[in-house]
């Protein structure tokens, strides 16, 4: 059974860290997804490129429900997701890793946000007081310390709709509200993972300072350059974490909602 998955964000499209690779197509109520499945130190891992293998899907058009449902259907229990983020916090510098512990949702309603749409299954309100798996976050922090990587153990991720970057005024408002990082993909992904009962944690890599903080206009090329420069560190961190995840789940991530019937 495939119990582990990596969701690769911008600049993270290298499943060659796994051996014995095979492709698998998984049908879901929201369409099919395609993952690559391989082995790392005896553990089967599914690799899912969030934006598509050729980075052709913008943040607001990602089929988040199909992605999470498909991983659940494969038998996945633990998910490590990567995100490229802009920093609102001067302490969180380009190249740093941040293991976020909270999010704020500023998407605009164009994305399906839940598996629970009412009807015969009733209304479900999911607890996201602690939206990311504490056990996975602890493992990521330990791995980063062992590897000597610059990292931050907490951070608040502000999710915007995209695909445009934010205005300087928006960034000032997000900073006032307590945001540390800004990105375009973690909601609804984190929420859906919680609804599916998956352990889910995020490796956020700071690629730039956000609008109004950065001394120059923001470009996607800048993001890709920083990701490329730190790709090996990111892979090492993810793999070290996969090695150290406990076999038995010791968290409550699977107990917040009724089981999904996949």
C-alpha atoms as a PDB file:
ATOM      1  CA  UNK A   1       0.000   0.000   0.000  1.00  0.00           C
ATOM      2  CA  UNK A   2       1.187   3.525  -0.820  1.00  0.00           C
ATOM      3  CA  UNK A   3       1.073   5.242   2.568  1.00  0.00           C
ATOM      4  CA  UNK A   4       3.231   8.299   1.826  1.00  0.00           C
ATOM      5  CA  UNK A   5       2.954  11.091  -0.730  1.00  0.00           C
ATOM      6  CA  UNK A   6       4.831  14.198  -1.790  1.00  0.00           C
ATOM      7  CA  UNK A   7       2.890  17.015  -3.444  1.00  0.00           C
ATOM      8  CA  UNK A   8       5.430  19.009  -5.414  1.00  0.00           C
ATOM      9  CA  UNK A   9       4.835  22.716  -5.912  1.00  0.00           C
ATOM     10  CA  UNK A  10       6.597  25.241  -8.142  1.00  0.00           C
ATOM     11  CA  UNK A  11      10.039  24.038  -9.145  1.00  0.00           C
ATOM     12  CA  UNK A  12       9.665  20.610  -7.531  1.00  0.00           C
ATOM     13  CA  UNK A  13       9.122  18.129 -10.325  1.00  0.00           C
ATOM     14  CA  UNK A  14      11.817  15.521  -9.844  1.00  0.00           C
ATOM     15  CA  UNK A  15      10.483  12.111  -8.830  1.00  0.00           C
ATOM     16  CA  UNK A  16      13.903  10.579  -9.589  1.00  0.00           C
ATOM     17  CA  UNK A  17      14.597  10.633  -5.860  1.00  0.00           C
ATOM     18  CA  UNK A  18      12.475   7.451  -5.895  1.00  0.00           C
ATOM     19  CA  UNK A  19      13.406   4.079  -7.421  1.00  0.00           C
ATOM     20  CA  UNK A  20      11.306   1.510  -9.317  1.00  0.00           C
ATOM     21  CA  UNK A  21       9.093   4.278 -10.660  1.00  0.00           C
ATOM     22  CA  UNK A  22       5.725   3.538 -12.228  1.00  0.00           C
ATOM     23  CA  UNK A  23       2.859   5.759 -13.330  1.00  0.00           C
ATOM     24  CA  UNK A  24      -0.630   5.216 -12.013  1.00  0.00           C
ATOM     25  CA  UNK A  25      -3.888   6.864 -13.013  1.00  0.00           C
ATOM     26  CA  UNK A  26      -6.490   7.223 -10.274  1.00  0.00           C
ATOM     27  CA  UNK A  27     -10.142   7.964 -11.020  1.00  0.00           C
ATOM     28  CA  UNK A  28     -12.046  10.272  -8.664  1.00  0.00           C
ATOM     29  CA  UNK A  29     -15.500  11.917  -8.705  1.00  0.00           C
ATOM     30  CA  UNK A  30     -13.771  15.107  -9.927  1.00  0.00           C
ATOM     31  CA  UNK A  31     -11.718  13.559 -12.689  1.00  0.00           C
ATOM     32  CA  UNK A  32      -8.562  11.467 -12.868  1.00  0.00           C
ATOM     33  CA  UNK A  33      -5.137  12.252 -11.479  1.00  0.00           C
ATOM     34  CA  UNK A  34      -1.823  10.757 -12.496  1.00  0.00           C
ATOM     35  CA  UNK A  35       0.913  10.089  -9.990  1.00  0.00           C
ATOM     36  CA  UNK A  36       4.324   8.510 -10.112  1.00  0.00           C
ATOM     37  CA  UNK A  37       4.900   5.865  -7.461  1.00  0.00           C
ATOM     38  CA  UNK A  38       8.310   4.675  -6.383  1.00  0.00           C
ATOM     39  CA  UNK A  39      10.271   3.375  -3.442  1.00  0.00           C
ATOM     40  CA  UNK A  40      12.518   5.141  -0.977  1.00  0.00           C
ATOM     41  CA  UNK A  41      14.299   3.007   1.625  1.00  0.00           C
ATOM     42  CA  UNK A  42      11.567   0.401   1.554  1.00  0.00           C
ATOM     43  CA  UNK A  43       8.656   2.830   1.684  1.00  0.00           C
ATOM     44  CA  UNK A  44       6.347   3.296  -1.279  1.00  0.00           C
ATOM     45  CA  UNK A  45       5.816   6.980  -2.044  1.00  0.00           C
ATOM     46  CA  UNK A  46       3.447   8.685  -4.479  1.00  0.00           C
ATOM     47  CA  UNK A  47       4.710  11.847  -6.201  1.00  0.00           C
ATOM     48  CA  UNK A  48       2.062  14.313  -7.387  1.00  0.00           C
ATOM     49  CA  UNK A  49       3.018  17.531  -9.230  1.00  0.00           C
ATOM     50  CA  UNK A  50       0.435  20.062  -8.056  1.00  0.00           C
ATOM     51  CA  UNK A  51       0.536  22.224 -11.189  1.00  0.00           C
ATOM     52  CA  UNK A  52       0.812  19.308 -13.597  1.00  0.00           C
ATOM     53  CA  UNK A  53       4.002  17.683 -14.870  1.00  0.00           C
ATOM     54  CA  UNK A  54       4.693  20.626 -17.192  1.00  0.00           C
ATOM     55  CA  UNK A  55       3.555  23.327 -14.731  1.00  0.00           C
ATOM     56  CA  UNK A  56       0.600  24.207 -16.945  1.00  0.00           C
ATOM     57  CA  UNK A  57      -2.152  24.573 -14.318  1.00  0.00           C
ATOM     58  CA  UNK A  58      -2.416  27.943 -12.509  1.00  0.00           C
ATOM     59  CA  UNK A  59      -3.199  28.013  -8.759  1.00  0.00           C
ATOM     60  CA  UNK A  60      -6.895  28.871  -9.114  1.00  0.00           C
ATOM     61  CA  UNK A  61      -7.476  26.051 -11.628  1.00  0.00           C
ATOM     62  CA  UNK A  62      -5.804  23.184  -9.742  1.00  0.00           C
ATOM     63  CA  UNK A  63      -8.143  20.238  -9.181  1.00  0.00           C
ATOM     64  CA  UNK A  64      -7.514  20.126  -5.447  1.00  0.00           C
ATOM     65  CA  UNK A  65     -10.369  17.749  -4.654  1.00  0.00           C
ATOM     66  CA  UNK A  66      -9.258  15.208  -7.243  1.00  0.00           C
ATOM     67  CA  UNK A  67      -5.665  15.410  -5.980  1.00  0.00           C
ATOM     68  CA  UNK A  68      -6.487  14.733  -2.333  1.00  0.00           C
ATOM     69  CA  UNK A  69      -9.253  12.211  -3.064  1.00  0.00           C
ATOM     70  CA  UNK A  70      -6.922  10.329  -5.409  1.00  0.00           C
ATOM     71  CA  UNK A  71      -4.170  10.114  -2.779  1.00  0.00           C
ATOM     72  CA  UNK A  72      -6.684   8.906  -0.218  1.00  0.00           C
ATOM     73  CA  UNK A  73      -7.921   6.264  -2.668  1.00  0.00           C
ATOM     74  CA  UNK A  74      -4.346   5.010  -3.115  1.00  0.00           C
ATOM     75  CA  UNK A  75      -4.126   4.434   0.626  1.00  0.00           C
ATOM     76  CA  UNK A  76      -1.974   7.440   1.455  1.00  0.00           C
ATOM     77  CA  UNK A  77      -1.931   8.460   5.133  1.00  0.00           C
ATOM     78  CA  UNK A  78       0.929  11.001   5.282  1.00  0.00           C
ATOM     79  CA  UNK A  79       1.462  13.895   2.863  1.00  0.00           C
ATOM     80  CA  UNK A  80       4.418  16.255   2.601  1.00  0.00           C
ATOM     81  CA  UNK A  81       3.585  19.276   0.449  1.00  0.00           C
ATOM     82  CA  UNK A  82       6.028  21.857  -0.866  1.00  0.00           C
ATOM     83  CA  UNK A  83       5.204  25.498  -1.538  1.00  0.00           C
ATOM     84  CA  UNK A  84       7.143  28.434  -2.934  1.00  0.00           C
ATOM     85  CA  UNK A  85       6.280  31.528  -0.911  1.00  0.00           C
ATOM     86  CA  UNK A  86       6.930  35.236  -0.663  1.00  0.00           C
ATOM     87  CA  UNK A  87       7.985  36.557   2.723  1.00  0.00           C
ATOM     88  CA  UNK A  88       6.219  39.261   4.724  1.00  0.00           C
ATOM     89  CA  UNK A  89       8.592  38.692   7.628  1.00  0.00           C
ATOM     90  CA  UNK A  90      12.111  40.088   7.324  1.00  0.00           C
ATOM     91  CA  UNK A  91      13.399  37.261   9.531  1.00  0.00           C
ATOM     92  CA  UNK A  92      12.262  34.741   6.904  1.00  0.00           C
ATOM     93  CA  UNK A  93      14.770  35.292   4.131  1.00  0.00           C
ATOM     94  CA  UNK A  94      14.912  33.939   0.562  1.00  0.00           C
ATOM     95  CA  UNK A  95      16.255  30.388   0.722  1.00  0.00           C
ATOM     96  CA  UNK A  96      14.881  29.745   4.217  1.00  0.00           C
ATOM     97  CA  UNK A  97      12.531  26.861   4.958  1.00  0.00           C
ATOM     98  CA  UNK A  98       9.416  27.496   7.041  1.00  0.00           C
ATOM     99  CA  UNK A  99       7.251  24.792   8.601  1.00  0.00           C
ATOM    100  CA  UNK A 100       3.972  26.669   8.758  1.00  0.00           C
ATOM    101  CA  UNK A 101       1.536  26.038  11.599  1.00  0.00           C
ATOM    102  CA  UNK A 102      -1.365  28.330  10.630  1.00  0.00           C
ATOM    103  CA  UNK A 103      -3.010  29.770   7.529  1.00  0.00           C
ATOM    104  CA  UNK A 104      -5.307  32.645   6.601  1.00  0.00           C
ATOM    105  CA  UNK A 105      -7.600  32.208   3.596  1.00  0.00           C
ATOM    106  CA  UNK A 106      -7.958  35.154   1.223  1.00  0.00           C
ATOM    107  CA  UNK A 107      -9.086  33.177  -1.806  1.00  0.00           C
ATOM    108  CA  UNK A 108     -12.195  34.593  -3.431  1.00  0.00           C
ATOM    109  CA  UNK A 109     -14.652  31.730  -3.732  1.00  0.00           C
ATOM    110  CA  UNK A 110     -13.606  30.450  -7.138  1.00  0.00           C
ATOM    111  CA  UNK A 111     -12.231  27.209  -5.716  1.00  0.00           C
ATOM    112  CA  UNK A 112     -14.263  24.300  -4.311  1.00  0.00           C
ATOM    113  CA  UNK A 113     -13.245  24.357  -0.657  1.00  0.00           C
ATOM    114  CA  UNK A 114     -14.683  21.131   0.754  1.00  0.00           C
ATOM    115  CA  UNK A 115     -15.700  17.551   0.110  1.00  0.00           C
ATOM    116  CA  UNK A 116     -18.785  18.059   2.276  1.00  0.00           C
ATOM    117  CA  UNK A 117     -21.490  19.726   0.185  1.00  0.00           C
ATOM    118  CA  UNK A 118     -24.496  18.807   2.352  1.00  0.00           C
ATOM    119  CA  UNK A 119     -27.208  16.569   0.935  1.00  0.00           C
ATOM    120  CA  UNK A 120     -27.791  13.093   2.393  1.00  0.00           C
ATOM    121  CA  UNK A 121     -24.448  13.153   4.208  1.00  0.00           C
ATOM    122  CA  UNK A 122     -25.550  16.186   6.219  1.00  0.00           C
ATOM    123  CA  UNK A 123     -23.522  19.256   7.165  1.00  0.00           C
ATOM    124  CA  UNK A 124     -19.965  18.745   8.422  1.00  0.00           C
ATOM    125  CA  UNK A 125     -17.900  21.421  10.152  1.00  0.00           C
ATOM    126  CA  UNK A 126     -14.231  20.443  10.253  1.00  0.00           C
ATOM    127  CA  UNK A 127     -11.965  21.533  13.089  1.00  0.00           C
ATOM    128  CA  UNK A 128      -8.817  23.228  11.792  1.00  0.00           C
ATOM    129  CA  UNK A 129      -7.598  24.774  15.045  1.00  0.00           C
ATOM    130  CA  UNK A 130      -4.286  23.082  14.290  1.00  0.00           C
ATOM    131  CA  UNK A 131      -4.420  22.670  10.493  1.00  0.00           C
ATOM    132  CA  UNK A 132      -1.088  20.854  10.016  1.00  0.00           C
ATOM    133  CA  UNK A 133      -0.065  17.515  11.466  1.00  0.00           C
ATOM    134  CA  UNK A 134       2.045  18.140  14.597  1.00  0.00           C
ATOM    135  CA  UNK A 135       3.813  14.807  14.236  1.00  0.00           C
ATOM    136  CA  UNK A 136       4.904  15.525  10.652  1.00  0.00           C
ATOM    137  CA  UNK A 137       5.940  19.070  11.555  1.00  0.00           C
ATOM    138  CA  UNK A 138       8.059  17.753  14.419  1.00  0.00           C
ATOM    139  CA  UNK A 139       9.732  15.296  12.036  1.00  0.00           C
ATOM    140  CA  UNK A 140      10.441  18.059   9.505  1.00  0.00           C
ATOM    141  CA  UNK A 141      11.989  20.283  12.176  1.00  0.00           C
ATOM    142  CA  UNK A 142      14.194  17.441  13.387  1.00  0.00           C
ATOM    143  CA  UNK A 143      15.304  16.658   9.818  1.00  0.00           C
ATOM    144  CA  UNK A 144      16.140  20.307   9.103  1.00  0.00           C
ATOM    145  CA  UNK A 145      18.200  20.537  12.283  1.00  0.00           C
ATOM    146  CA  UNK A 146      20.126  17.387  11.416  1.00  0.00           C
ATOM    147  CA  UNK A 147      20.863  18.686   7.913  1.00  0.00           C
ATOM    148  CA  UNK A 148      21.886  22.125   9.173  1.00  0.00           C
ATOM    149  CA  UNK A 149      19.310  23.966   7.046  1.00  0.00           C
ATOM    150  CA  UNK A 150      18.128  27.497   7.800  1.00  0.00           C
ATOM    151  CA  UNK A 151      14.552  27.041   8.967  1.00  0.00           C
ATOM    152  CA  UNK A 152      11.717  28.459  11.029  1.00  0.00           C
ATOM    153  CA  UNK A 153       9.565  26.187  13.157  1.00  0.00           C
ATOM    154  CA  UNK A 154       6.381  28.237  12.841  1.00  0.00           C
ATOM    155  CA  UNK A 155       4.742  30.630  10.433  1.00  0.00           C
ATOM    156  CA  UNK A 156       1.377  31.862   9.212  1.00  0.00           C
ATOM    157  CA  UNK A 157       0.686  31.332   5.500  1.00  0.00           C
ATOM    158  CA  UNK A 158      -1.629  33.801   3.760  1.00  0.00           C
ATOM    159  CA  UNK A 159      -3.321  32.166   0.769  1.00  0.00           C
ATOM    160  CA  UNK A 160      -4.386  34.479  -2.049  1.00  0.00           C
ATOM    161  CA  UNK A 161      -6.329  33.679  -5.197  1.00  0.00           C
ATOM    162  CA  UNK A 162      -3.632  34.324  -7.799  1.00  0.00           C
ATOM    163  CA  UNK A 163      -2.418  33.956 -10.392  1.00  0.00           C
ATOM    164  CA  UNK A 164      -1.379  37.605 -10.066  1.00  0.00           C
ATOM    165  CA  UNK A 165       1.002  38.674  -7.342  1.00  0.00           C
ATOM    166  CA  UNK A 166      -0.313  40.864  -4.533  1.00  0.00           C
ATOM    167  CA  UNK A 167      -0.331  44.647  -4.288  1.00  0.00           C
ATOM    168  CA  UNK A 168       1.868  46.417  -1.764  1.00  0.00           C
ATOM    169  CA  UNK A 169      -1.293  47.542   0.075  1.00  0.00           C
ATOM    170  CA  UNK A 170      -2.511  43.956   0.373  1.00  0.00           C
ATOM    171  CA  UNK A 171       0.835  42.872   1.765  1.00  0.00           C
ATOM    172  CA  UNK A 172       0.749  45.672   4.365  1.00  0.00           C
ATOM    173  CA  UNK A 173      -2.703  44.483   5.433  1.00  0.00           C
ATOM    174  CA  UNK A 174      -1.599  40.837   5.657  1.00  0.00           C
ATOM    175  CA  UNK A 175       1.395  41.837   7.787  1.00  0.00           C
ATOM    176  CA  UNK A 176      -0.872  43.801  10.123  1.00  0.00           C
ATOM    177  CA  UNK A 177      -3.050  40.708  10.525  1.00  0.00           C
ATOM    178  CA  UNK A 178      -0.057  38.569  11.476  1.00  0.00           C
ATOM    179  CA  UNK A 179       0.846  36.895   8.192  1.00  0.00           C
ATOM    180  CA  UNK A 180       4.417  35.740   7.659  1.00  0.00           C
ATOM    181  CA  UNK A 181       4.289  34.237   4.167  1.00  0.00           C
ATOM    182  CA  UNK A 182       2.122  34.578   1.097  1.00  0.00           C
ATOM    183  CA  UNK A 183       1.295  31.930  -1.494  1.00  0.00           C
ATOM    184  CA  UNK A 184      -1.521  30.762  -3.756  1.00  0.00           C
ATOM    185  CA  UNK A 185      -2.047  27.036  -3.214  1.00  0.00           C
ATOM    186  CA  UNK A 186      -2.263  25.907   0.393  1.00  0.00           C
ATOM    187  CA  UNK A 187      -6.014  26.517   0.619  1.00  0.00           C
ATOM    188  CA  UNK A 188      -8.047  24.422   0.024  1.00  0.00           C
ATOM    189  CA  UNK A 189      -5.330  21.739  -0.113  1.00  0.00           C
ATOM    190  CA  UNK A 190      -4.703  21.754   3.646  1.00  0.00           C
ATOM    191  CA  UNK A 191      -8.425  21.775   4.427  1.00  0.00           C
ATOM    192  CA  UNK A 192      -9.212  18.911   2.067  1.00  0.00           C
ATOM    193  CA  UNK A 193      -6.362  16.869   3.529  1.00  0.00           C
ATOM    194  CA  UNK A 194      -7.832  17.365   6.994  1.00  0.00           C
ATOM    195  CA  UNK A 195     -11.318  16.426   5.747  1.00  0.00           C
ATOM    196  CA  UNK A 196      -9.830  13.274   4.203  1.00  0.00           C
ATOM    197  CA  UNK A 197      -8.180  12.357   7.500  1.00  0.00           C
ATOM    198  CA  UNK A 198      -4.652  12.649   6.124  1.00  0.00           C
ATOM    199  CA  UNK A 199      -1.598  13.753   8.050  1.00  0.00           C
ATOM    200  CA  UNK A 200      -0.433  16.803   6.117  1.00  0.00           C
ATOM    201  CA  UNK A 201       2.482  19.182   6.603  1.00  0.00           C
ATOM    202  CA  UNK A 202       4.159  21.777   4.432  1.00  0.00           C
ATOM    203  CA  UNK A 203       7.722  22.620   3.512  1.00  0.00           C
ATOM    204  CA  UNK A 204       7.537  26.272   2.504  1.00  0.00           C
ATOM    205  CA  UNK A 205      10.597  27.687   0.796  1.00  0.00           C
ATOM    206  CA  UNK A 206      10.963  31.465   0.772  1.00  0.00           C
ATOM    207  CA  UNK A 207      11.805  32.557  -2.764  1.00  0.00           C
ATOM    208  CA  UNK A 208      11.459  36.343  -2.471  1.00  0.00           C
ATOM    209  CA  UNK A 209      10.191  39.177  -0.325  1.00  0.00           C
ATOM    210  CA  UNK A 210       6.593  40.129  -1.086  1.00  0.00           C
ATOM    211  CA  UNK A 211       5.377  43.253  -2.917  1.00  0.00           C
ATOM    212  CA  UNK A 212       6.348  46.501  -1.265  1.00  0.00           C
ATOM    213  CA  UNK A 213       9.069  44.723   0.725  1.00  0.00           C
ATOM    214  CA  UNK A 214      11.082  43.527  -2.256  1.00  0.00           C
ATOM    215  CA  UNK A 215      13.126  46.352  -3.796  1.00  0.00           C
ATOM    216  CA  UNK A 216      12.270  45.140  -7.313  1.00  0.00           C
ATOM    217  CA  UNK A 217       9.187  43.989  -9.261  1.00  0.00           C
ATOM    218  CA  UNK A 218       8.186  40.373  -8.628  1.00  0.00           C
ATOM    219  CA  UNK A 219       8.687  37.813 -11.383  1.00  0.00           C
ATOM    220  CA  UNK A 220       7.988  34.101 -11.707  1.00  0.00           C
ATOM    221  CA  UNK A 221      11.542  33.656 -13.003  1.00  0.00           C
ATOM    222  CA  UNK A 222      12.882  34.894  -9.662  1.00  0.00           C
ATOM    223  CA  UNK A 223      10.853  32.215  -7.886  1.00  0.00           C
ATOM    224  CA  UNK A 224      12.167  29.487 -10.171  1.00  0.00           C
ATOM    225  CA  UNK A 225      15.766  30.643  -9.770  1.00  0.00           C
ATOM    226  CA  UNK A 226      15.671  30.421  -5.979  1.00  0.00           C
ATOM    227  CA  UNK A 227      13.881  27.069  -6.111  1.00  0.00           C
ATOM    228  CA  UNK A 228      16.497  25.706  -8.504  1.00  0.00           C
ATOM    229  CA  UNK A 229      19.346  26.943  -6.314  1.00  0.00           C
ATOM    230  CA  UNK A 230      17.875  25.177  -3.286  1.00  0.00           C
ATOM    231  CA  UNK A 231      16.362  22.105  -4.968  1.00  0.00           C
ATOM    232  CA  UNK A 232      18.909  19.665  -3.560  1.00  0.00           C
ATOM    233  CA  UNK A 233      18.371  20.961  -0.027  1.00  0.00           C
ATOM    234  CA  UNK A 234      14.619  20.576  -0.461  1.00  0.00           C
ATOM    235  CA  UNK A 235      14.950  17.004  -1.724  1.00  0.00           C
ATOM    236  CA  UNK A 236      17.313  16.095   1.108  1.00  0.00           C
ATOM    237  CA  UNK A 237      14.897  17.517   3.650  1.00  0.00           C
ATOM    238  CA  UNK A 238      11.904  15.656   2.249  1.00  0.00           C
ATOM    239  CA  UNK A 239      13.788  12.371   2.050  1.00  0.00           C
ATOM    240  CA  UNK A 240      15.209  12.668   5.569  1.00  0.00           C
ATOM    241  CA  UNK A 241      11.707  13.341   6.846  1.00  0.00           C
ATOM    242  CA  UNK A 242      10.316  10.302   5.003  1.00  0.00           C
ATOM    243  CA  UNK A 243      12.960   8.134   6.654  1.00  0.00           C
ATOM    244  CA  UNK A 244      11.999   9.305  10.122  1.00  0.00           C
ATOM    245  CA  UNK A 245       8.191   9.394  10.027  1.00  0.00           C
ATOM    246  CA  UNK A 246       6.956   6.923  12.656  1.00  0.00           C
ATOM    247  CA  UNK A 247       5.308   3.818  11.226  1.00  0.00           C
ATOM    248  CA  UNK A 248       2.265   4.262  13.458  1.00  0.00           C
ATOM    249  CA  UNK A 249       0.384   7.537  13.479  1.00  0.00           C
ATOM    250  CA  UNK A 250       0.478   9.199  16.870  1.00  0.00           C
ATOM    251  CA  UNK A 251      -1.672  12.236  16.037  1.00  0.00           C
ATOM    252  CA  UNK A 252      -5.399  12.943  15.780  1.00  0.00           C
ATOM    253  CA  UNK A 253      -5.462  13.999  12.098  1.00  0.00           C
ATOM    254  CA  UNK A 254      -7.758  11.131  11.124  1.00  0.00           C
ATOM    255  CA  UNK A 255     -10.340  11.847  13.806  1.00  0.00           C
ATOM    256  CA  UNK A 256     -11.722  15.281  12.896  1.00  0.00           C
ATOM    257  CA  UNK A 257     -14.361  14.306  10.296  1.00  0.00           C
ATOM    258  CA  UNK A 258     -16.435  11.287   9.257  1.00  0.00           C
ATOM    259  CA  UNK A 259     -14.467   8.843   7.064  1.00  0.00           C
ATOM    260  CA  UNK A 260     -14.610   9.640   3.362  1.00  0.00           C
ATOM    261  CA  UNK A 261     -15.986   6.815   1.244  1.00  0.00           C
ATOM    262  CA  UNK A 262     -13.434   6.732  -1.569  1.00  0.00           C
END
